[in-house]
């Protein structure tokens, strides 16, 4: 599973501190997180940089949790993000309201950290399966064998390294979107290293060669900003 970027949104200061501690401990589990107090800041961040999962509180000030979930589902940039709605009560009615607002899952306070981690892992797996299953229909000429992690380009078998495959999936999930080199590093590698930027450039250069003229030239570098698959 590629690294998951999480955005946690909660107006309660104690909950924000909890999320910061919780996700700090989960870096080796493949999760990194940003924590903000309201929907306005969340939307501002999402406009600049994509995330994989949003954990949001139902009772946010201003734009509510339900309002934020609906806004995420209405935008082409964020409609595929995984959404975990956190509410103050555990009841069937609360669960129904959360799911109908656009959330993928619902969690009531107080909750156990192990349960939160299990829900996050479940959302990550679900997103990966959804992404892989519709690759062919979105990108004619590409075939991805989800079980074997094999890629065919116009019928030609292309053998990618795990890092190359991870990066290519990131680009396919959000075509025409600029991905910063920092984001790509965190998503595919997720550890500190010297000259990490050169490693990203070398990996993408190799990926371009393997993809061939049609797809390789679509993988564009934006100097000082990052990379995008422009189709």
C-alpha atoms as a PDB file:
ATOM      1  CA  UNK A   1       0.000   0.000   0.000  1.00  0.00           C
ATOM      2  CA  UNK A   2       1.357   3.410  -0.937  1.00  0.00           C
ATOM      3  CA  UNK A   3       1.664   5.998   1.806  1.00  0.00           C
ATOM      4  CA  UNK A   4      -1.587   7.690   2.762  1.00  0.00           C
ATOM      5  CA  UNK A   5      -1.868  11.434   3.325  1.00  0.00           C
ATOM      6  CA  UNK A   6      -4.563  12.301   5.844  1.00  0.00           C
ATOM      7  CA  UNK A   7      -6.243  15.618   6.630  1.00  0.00           C
ATOM      8  CA  UNK A   8      -7.881  15.727  10.081  1.00  0.00           C
ATOM      9  CA  UNK A   9     -10.408  18.513  10.706  1.00  0.00           C
ATOM     10  CA  UNK A  10     -11.629  19.229  14.248  1.00  0.00           C
ATOM     11  CA  UNK A  11     -12.337  22.490  16.071  1.00  0.00           C
ATOM     12  CA  UNK A  12     -11.608  20.979  19.494  1.00  0.00           C
ATOM     13  CA  UNK A  13      -8.032  21.761  20.541  1.00  0.00           C
ATOM     14  CA  UNK A  14      -7.696  18.593  22.601  1.00  0.00           C
ATOM     15  CA  UNK A  15      -8.776  16.461  19.631  1.00  0.00           C
ATOM     16  CA  UNK A  16      -6.311  18.228  17.359  1.00  0.00           C
ATOM     17  CA  UNK A  17      -3.483  17.469  19.791  1.00  0.00           C
ATOM     18  CA  UNK A  18      -4.664  13.851  19.895  1.00  0.00           C
ATOM     19  CA  UNK A  19      -4.574  13.577  16.097  1.00  0.00           C
ATOM     20  CA  UNK A  20      -1.107  15.139  15.944  1.00  0.00           C
ATOM     21  CA  UNK A  21       0.247  12.608  18.467  1.00  0.00           C
ATOM     22  CA  UNK A  22      -1.656   9.726  16.896  1.00  0.00           C
ATOM     23  CA  UNK A  23      -0.402  10.297  13.359  1.00  0.00           C
ATOM     24  CA  UNK A  24       3.125  11.067  14.512  1.00  0.00           C
ATOM     25  CA  UNK A  25       3.219   7.536  15.914  1.00  0.00           C
ATOM     26  CA  UNK A  26       1.846   6.137  12.633  1.00  0.00           C
ATOM     27  CA  UNK A  27       4.547   7.358  10.273  1.00  0.00           C
ATOM     28  CA  UNK A  28       6.013   3.856  10.054  1.00  0.00           C
ATOM     29  CA  UNK A  29       2.509   2.506   9.356  1.00  0.00           C
ATOM     30  CA  UNK A  30       2.316   4.518   6.150  1.00  0.00           C
ATOM     31  CA  UNK A  31       0.256   7.527   7.292  1.00  0.00           C
ATOM     32  CA  UNK A  32       1.174  11.210   7.399  1.00  0.00           C
ATOM     33  CA  UNK A  33      -1.272  13.899   8.474  1.00  0.00           C
ATOM     34  CA  UNK A  34      -2.084  17.580   8.589  1.00  0.00           C
ATOM     35  CA  UNK A  35      -4.479  18.815  11.291  1.00  0.00           C
ATOM     36  CA  UNK A  36      -6.658  21.935  10.910  1.00  0.00           C
ATOM     37  CA  UNK A  37      -9.502  23.469  12.994  1.00  0.00           C
ATOM     38  CA  UNK A  38     -12.178  24.203  10.392  1.00  0.00           C
ATOM     39  CA  UNK A  39     -13.571  23.468   6.940  1.00  0.00           C
ATOM     40  CA  UNK A  40     -12.344  26.732   5.432  1.00  0.00           C
ATOM     41  CA  UNK A  41      -8.707  25.878   6.163  1.00  0.00           C
ATOM     42  CA  UNK A  42      -9.286  22.322   4.982  1.00  0.00           C
ATOM     43  CA  UNK A  43     -10.642  23.480   1.622  1.00  0.00           C
ATOM     44  CA  UNK A  44      -7.753  25.917   1.236  1.00  0.00           C
ATOM     45  CA  UNK A  45      -5.194  23.167   1.778  1.00  0.00           C
ATOM     46  CA  UNK A  46      -6.992  20.720  -0.501  1.00  0.00           C
ATOM     47  CA  UNK A  47      -6.978  23.268  -3.312  1.00  0.00           C
ATOM     48  CA  UNK A  48      -3.169  23.277  -3.171  1.00  0.00           C
ATOM     49  CA  UNK A  49      -2.281  19.677  -2.416  1.00  0.00           C
ATOM     50  CA  UNK A  50      -4.334  16.461  -2.602  1.00  0.00           C
ATOM     51  CA  UNK A  51      -4.820  14.000   0.240  1.00  0.00           C
ATOM     52  CA  UNK A  52      -6.081  10.427   0.342  1.00  0.00           C
ATOM     53  CA  UNK A  53      -8.280  10.448   3.454  1.00  0.00           C
ATOM     54  CA  UNK A  54     -10.133  13.181   5.347  1.00  0.00           C
ATOM     55  CA  UNK A  55     -11.104  12.632   8.991  1.00  0.00           C
ATOM     56  CA  UNK A  56     -13.630  15.296   9.920  1.00  0.00           C
ATOM     57  CA  UNK A  57     -15.805  16.223  12.858  1.00  0.00           C
ATOM     58  CA  UNK A  58     -19.563  16.505  12.358  1.00  0.00           C
ATOM     59  CA  UNK A  59     -19.962  19.654  14.465  1.00  0.00           C
ATOM     60  CA  UNK A  60     -17.478  22.011  12.827  1.00  0.00           C
ATOM     61  CA  UNK A  61     -18.078  25.771  13.135  1.00  0.00           C
ATOM     62  CA  UNK A  62     -19.029  27.617   9.959  1.00  0.00           C
ATOM     63  CA  UNK A  63     -19.209  24.954   7.276  1.00  0.00           C
ATOM     64  CA  UNK A  64     -20.314  21.815   9.116  1.00  0.00           C
ATOM     65  CA  UNK A  65     -18.763  18.393   8.739  1.00  0.00           C
ATOM     66  CA  UNK A  66     -21.688  17.359   6.549  1.00  0.00           C
ATOM     67  CA  UNK A  67     -21.264  20.498   4.452  1.00  0.00           C
ATOM     68  CA  UNK A  68     -17.567  19.812   3.988  1.00  0.00           C
ATOM     69  CA  UNK A  69     -18.226  16.195   3.004  1.00  0.00           C
ATOM     70  CA  UNK A  70     -20.751  17.323   0.390  1.00  0.00           C
ATOM     71  CA  UNK A  71     -18.299  19.917  -0.952  1.00  0.00           C
ATOM     72  CA  UNK A  72     -15.584  17.282  -1.289  1.00  0.00           C
ATOM     73  CA  UNK A  73     -17.911  14.963  -3.194  1.00  0.00           C
ATOM     74  CA  UNK A  74     -19.015  17.796  -5.492  1.00  0.00           C
ATOM     75  CA  UNK A  75     -15.476  18.654  -6.631  1.00  0.00           C
ATOM     76  CA  UNK A  76     -13.745  16.608  -9.335  1.00  0.00           C
ATOM     77  CA  UNK A  77     -10.436  17.052  -7.495  1.00  0.00           C
ATOM     78  CA  UNK A  78     -11.653  15.564  -4.208  1.00  0.00           C
ATOM     79  CA  UNK A  79     -14.665  13.378  -4.963  1.00  0.00           C
ATOM     80  CA  UNK A  80     -12.632  10.157  -4.696  1.00  0.00           C
ATOM     81  CA  UNK A  81     -11.065  11.013  -1.323  1.00  0.00           C
ATOM     82  CA  UNK A  82     -11.875   8.676   1.563  1.00  0.00           C
ATOM     83  CA  UNK A  83     -14.001  10.384   4.231  1.00  0.00           C
ATOM     84  CA  UNK A  84     -14.301   9.262   7.856  1.00  0.00           C
ATOM     85  CA  UNK A  85     -16.933  11.259   9.760  1.00  0.00           C
ATOM     86  CA  UNK A  86     -16.485  11.577  13.535  1.00  0.00           C
ATOM     87  CA  UNK A  87     -19.573  12.380  15.612  1.00  0.00           C
ATOM     88  CA  UNK A  88     -20.366  12.873  19.281  1.00  0.00           C
ATOM     89  CA  UNK A  89     -22.976  10.119  19.550  1.00  0.00           C
ATOM     90  CA  UNK A  90     -23.246   6.487  18.534  1.00  0.00           C
ATOM     91  CA  UNK A  91     -26.688   5.883  17.082  1.00  0.00           C
ATOM     92  CA  UNK A  92     -28.161   4.467  13.857  1.00  0.00           C
ATOM     93  CA  UNK A  93     -29.570   7.903  12.997  1.00  0.00           C
ATOM     94  CA  UNK A  94     -26.145   9.537  13.371  1.00  0.00           C
ATOM     95  CA  UNK A  95     -24.551   6.882  11.176  1.00  0.00           C
ATOM     96  CA  UNK A  96     -27.199   7.331   8.486  1.00  0.00           C
ATOM     97  CA  UNK A  97     -26.744  11.120   8.475  1.00  0.00           C
ATOM     98  CA  UNK A  98     -22.968  10.785   8.202  1.00  0.00           C
ATOM     99  CA  UNK A  99     -23.136   8.326   5.310  1.00  0.00           C
ATOM    100  CA  UNK A 100     -25.813  10.282   3.459  1.00  0.00           C
ATOM    101  CA  UNK A 101     -23.661  13.417   3.627  1.00  0.00           C
ATOM    102  CA  UNK A 102     -21.011  11.611   1.583  1.00  0.00           C
ATOM    103  CA  UNK A 103     -18.840   9.952   4.243  1.00  0.00           C
ATOM    104  CA  UNK A 104     -17.474   6.465   3.587  1.00  0.00           C
ATOM    105  CA  UNK A 105     -17.473   5.527   7.258  1.00  0.00           C
ATOM    106  CA  UNK A 106     -18.594   6.809  10.643  1.00  0.00           C
ATOM    107  CA  UNK A 107     -16.897   6.769  14.042  1.00  0.00           C
ATOM    108  CA  UNK A 108     -18.429   7.955  17.318  1.00  0.00           C
ATOM    109  CA  UNK A 109     -16.509   9.606  20.162  1.00  0.00           C
ATOM    110  CA  UNK A 110     -14.985   8.399  22.359  1.00  0.00           C
ATOM    111  CA  UNK A 111     -13.170   5.834  20.240  1.00  0.00           C
ATOM    112  CA  UNK A 112     -10.224   3.506  20.692  1.00  0.00           C
ATOM    113  CA  UNK A 113      -7.037   4.315  18.772  1.00  0.00           C
ATOM    114  CA  UNK A 114      -6.934   0.770  17.391  1.00  0.00           C
ATOM    115  CA  UNK A 115     -10.430   1.198  15.970  1.00  0.00           C
ATOM    116  CA  UNK A 116      -9.439   4.481  14.306  1.00  0.00           C
ATOM    117  CA  UNK A 117      -6.378   2.837  12.755  1.00  0.00           C
ATOM    118  CA  UNK A 118      -8.486  -0.081  11.508  1.00  0.00           C
ATOM    119  CA  UNK A 119     -10.966   2.312   9.873  1.00  0.00           C
ATOM    120  CA  UNK A 120      -8.130   4.235   8.199  1.00  0.00           C
ATOM    121  CA  UNK A 121      -6.579   1.044   6.841  1.00  0.00           C
ATOM    122  CA  UNK A 122      -9.966  -0.086   5.566  1.00  0.00           C
ATOM    123  CA  UNK A 123     -10.486   3.215   3.742  1.00  0.00           C
ATOM    124  CA  UNK A 124      -7.008   2.997   2.216  1.00  0.00           C
ATOM    125  CA  UNK A 125      -7.644  -0.545   0.938  1.00  0.00           C
ATOM    126  CA  UNK A 126     -11.044   0.429  -0.444  1.00  0.00           C
ATOM    127  CA  UNK A 127      -9.613   3.403  -2.337  1.00  0.00           C
ATOM    128  CA  UNK A 128      -6.823   1.291  -3.832  1.00  0.00           C
ATOM    129  CA  UNK A 129      -9.282  -1.318  -5.099  1.00  0.00           C
ATOM    130  CA  UNK A 130     -11.622   1.298  -6.558  1.00  0.00           C
ATOM    131  CA  UNK A 131      -8.734   2.987  -8.321  1.00  0.00           C
ATOM    132  CA  UNK A 132      -7.300  -0.170  -9.845  1.00  0.00           C
ATOM    133  CA  UNK A 133     -10.651  -1.535 -11.015  1.00  0.00           C
ATOM    134  CA  UNK A 134     -11.432   1.378 -13.321  1.00  0.00           C
ATOM    135  CA  UNK A 135      -7.973   2.073 -14.724  1.00  0.00           C
ATOM    136  CA  UNK A 136      -8.671   0.515 -18.116  1.00  0.00           C
ATOM    137  CA  UNK A 137     -11.880   2.441 -18.774  1.00  0.00           C
ATOM    138  CA  UNK A 138     -10.302   5.790 -17.869  1.00  0.00           C
ATOM    139  CA  UNK A 139      -7.085   5.284 -19.844  1.00  0.00           C
ATOM    140  CA  UNK A 140      -7.497   3.352 -23.124  1.00  0.00           C
ATOM    141  CA  UNK A 141      -4.373   1.385 -23.939  1.00  0.00           C
ATOM    142  CA  UNK A 142      -3.441   0.765 -20.299  1.00  0.00           C
ATOM    143  CA  UNK A 143      -4.106  -2.491 -18.465  1.00  0.00           C
ATOM    144  CA  UNK A 144      -3.179  -3.063 -14.834  1.00  0.00           C
ATOM    145  CA  UNK A 145      -3.249  -6.543 -13.316  1.00  0.00           C
ATOM    146  CA  UNK A 146      -4.171  -5.671  -9.747  1.00  0.00           C
ATOM    147  CA  UNK A 147      -3.189  -9.037  -8.272  1.00  0.00           C
ATOM    148  CA  UNK A 148       0.212  -9.309  -9.949  1.00  0.00           C
ATOM    149  CA  UNK A 149       0.885  -5.552 -10.136  1.00  0.00           C
ATOM    150  CA  UNK A 150       1.744  -5.879 -13.828  1.00  0.00           C
ATOM    151  CA  UNK A 151       1.238  -3.100 -16.354  1.00  0.00           C
ATOM    152  CA  UNK A 152       0.581  -3.415 -20.077  1.00  0.00           C
ATOM    153  CA  UNK A 153       0.878  -0.402 -22.362  1.00  0.00           C
ATOM    154  CA  UNK A 154      -0.813  -0.871 -25.750  1.00  0.00           C
ATOM    155  CA  UNK A 155      -0.487  -4.628 -25.263  1.00  0.00           C
ATOM    156  CA  UNK A 156       3.199  -4.473 -24.302  1.00  0.00           C
ATOM    157  CA  UNK A 157       4.199  -5.821 -20.891  1.00  0.00           C
ATOM    158  CA  UNK A 158       6.006  -3.135 -18.890  1.00  0.00           C
ATOM    159  CA  UNK A 159       7.912  -4.280 -15.819  1.00  0.00           C
ATOM    160  CA  UNK A 160       8.003  -1.509 -13.236  1.00  0.00           C
ATOM    161  CA  UNK A 161       9.812  -1.483  -9.918  1.00  0.00           C
ATOM    162  CA  UNK A 162       7.572  -1.121  -6.830  1.00  0.00           C
ATOM    163  CA  UNK A 163       8.456   2.583  -6.539  1.00  0.00           C
ATOM    164  CA  UNK A 164       7.821   3.218 -10.231  1.00  0.00           C
ATOM    165  CA  UNK A 165       4.453   1.465  -9.987  1.00  0.00           C
ATOM    166  CA  UNK A 166       3.541   3.459  -6.883  1.00  0.00           C
ATOM    167  CA  UNK A 167       4.389   6.763  -8.581  1.00  0.00           C
ATOM    168  CA  UNK A 168       2.534   5.850 -11.778  1.00  0.00           C
ATOM    169  CA  UNK A 169      -0.608   4.992  -9.803  1.00  0.00           C
ATOM    170  CA  UNK A 170      -0.406   8.378  -8.087  1.00  0.00           C
ATOM    171  CA  UNK A 171      -0.265  10.144 -11.458  1.00  0.00           C
ATOM    172  CA  UNK A 172      -3.104   8.040 -12.883  1.00  0.00           C
ATOM    173  CA  UNK A 173      -5.324   8.680  -9.901  1.00  0.00           C
ATOM    174  CA  UNK A 174      -5.106  12.439 -10.452  1.00  0.00           C
ATOM    175  CA  UNK A 175      -4.221  13.175 -14.091  1.00  0.00           C
ATOM    176  CA  UNK A 176      -3.373  16.762 -15.035  1.00  0.00           C
ATOM    177  CA  UNK A 177      -2.701  17.617 -11.390  1.00  0.00           C
ATOM    178  CA  UNK A 178       0.700  18.890 -10.322  1.00  0.00           C
ATOM    179  CA  UNK A 179       2.283  16.763  -7.581  1.00  0.00           C
ATOM    180  CA  UNK A 180       5.102  18.317  -5.596  1.00  0.00           C
ATOM    181  CA  UNK A 181       8.304  16.328  -5.259  1.00  0.00           C
ATOM    182  CA  UNK A 182       7.885  16.391  -1.485  1.00  0.00           C
ATOM    183  CA  UNK A 183       4.440  14.801  -1.814  1.00  0.00           C
ATOM    184  CA  UNK A 184       5.731  12.119  -4.208  1.00  0.00           C
ATOM    185  CA  UNK A 185       8.595  11.320  -1.861  1.00  0.00           C
ATOM    186  CA  UNK A 186       6.328  11.011   1.174  1.00  0.00           C
ATOM    187  CA  UNK A 187       3.809   8.882  -0.742  1.00  0.00           C
ATOM    188  CA  UNK A 188       6.251   6.419  -2.288  1.00  0.00           C
ATOM    189  CA  UNK A 189       9.222   6.363   0.101  1.00  0.00           C
ATOM    190  CA  UNK A 190       8.218   8.030   3.337  1.00  0.00           C
ATOM    191  CA  UNK A 191      11.594   8.179   5.050  1.00  0.00           C
ATOM    192  CA  UNK A 192      14.364  10.728   5.364  1.00  0.00           C
ATOM    193  CA  UNK A 193      17.341  10.386   3.036  1.00  0.00           C
ATOM    194  CA  UNK A 194      20.101  12.485   1.577  1.00  0.00           C
ATOM    195  CA  UNK A 195      19.645  13.601  -2.031  1.00  0.00           C
ATOM    196  CA  UNK A 196      16.070  12.298  -2.022  1.00  0.00           C
ATOM    197  CA  UNK A 197      15.151  14.738  -4.791  1.00  0.00           C
ATOM    198  CA  UNK A 198      17.693  13.143  -7.122  1.00  0.00           C
ATOM    199  CA  UNK A 199      16.238   9.721  -6.357  1.00  0.00           C
ATOM    200  CA  UNK A 200      12.769  10.934  -7.371  1.00  0.00           C
ATOM    201  CA  UNK A 201      14.109  12.421 -10.614  1.00  0.00           C
ATOM    202  CA  UNK A 202      15.990   9.221 -11.453  1.00  0.00           C
ATOM    203  CA  UNK A 203      12.963   7.032 -10.721  1.00  0.00           C
ATOM    204  CA  UNK A 204      10.653   9.152 -12.879  1.00  0.00           C
ATOM    205  CA  UNK A 205      13.237   9.236 -15.674  1.00  0.00           C
ATOM    206  CA  UNK A 206      13.312   5.430 -15.620  1.00  0.00           C
ATOM    207  CA  UNK A 207       9.503   5.321 -15.550  1.00  0.00           C
ATOM    208  CA  UNK A 208       9.325   7.556 -18.626  1.00  0.00           C
ATOM    209  CA  UNK A 209      11.678   5.291 -20.592  1.00  0.00           C
ATOM    210  CA  UNK A 210       9.683   2.189 -19.708  1.00  0.00           C
ATOM    211  CA  UNK A 211       6.322   3.741 -20.583  1.00  0.00           C
ATOM    212  CA  UNK A 212       7.485   4.620 -24.077  1.00  0.00           C
ATOM    213  CA  UNK A 213       6.803   7.654 -26.280  1.00  0.00           C
ATOM    214  CA  UNK A 214       3.038   7.910 -25.860  1.00  0.00           C
ATOM    215  CA  UNK A 215       2.797   7.874 -22.068  1.00  0.00           C
ATOM    216  CA  UNK A 216       6.377   8.730 -21.149  1.00  0.00           C
ATOM    217  CA  UNK A 217       6.239  12.131 -22.834  1.00  0.00           C
ATOM    218  CA  UNK A 218       2.949  12.877 -21.045  1.00  0.00           C
ATOM    219  CA  UNK A 219       4.773  12.784 -17.711  1.00  0.00           C
ATOM    220  CA  UNK A 220       5.846  16.421 -17.488  1.00  0.00           C
ATOM    221  CA  UNK A 221       8.335  18.056 -15.137  1.00  0.00           C
ATOM    222  CA  UNK A 222       7.517  21.538 -13.862  1.00  0.00           C
ATOM    223  CA  UNK A 223      10.764  23.148 -12.760  1.00  0.00           C
ATOM    224  CA  UNK A 224      10.816  23.898  -9.055  1.00  0.00           C
ATOM    225  CA  UNK A 225       7.268  22.587  -8.589  1.00  0.00           C
ATOM    226  CA  UNK A 226       6.975  18.881  -9.339  1.00  0.00           C
ATOM    227  CA  UNK A 227       5.496  16.505 -11.903  1.00  0.00           C
ATOM    228  CA  UNK A 228       2.152  15.965 -13.626  1.00  0.00           C
ATOM    229  CA  UNK A 229       0.689  13.407 -16.011  1.00  0.00           C
ATOM    230  CA  UNK A 230      -0.760  15.668 -18.701  1.00  0.00           C
ATOM    231  CA  UNK A 231      -3.278  13.925 -20.926  1.00  0.00           C
END
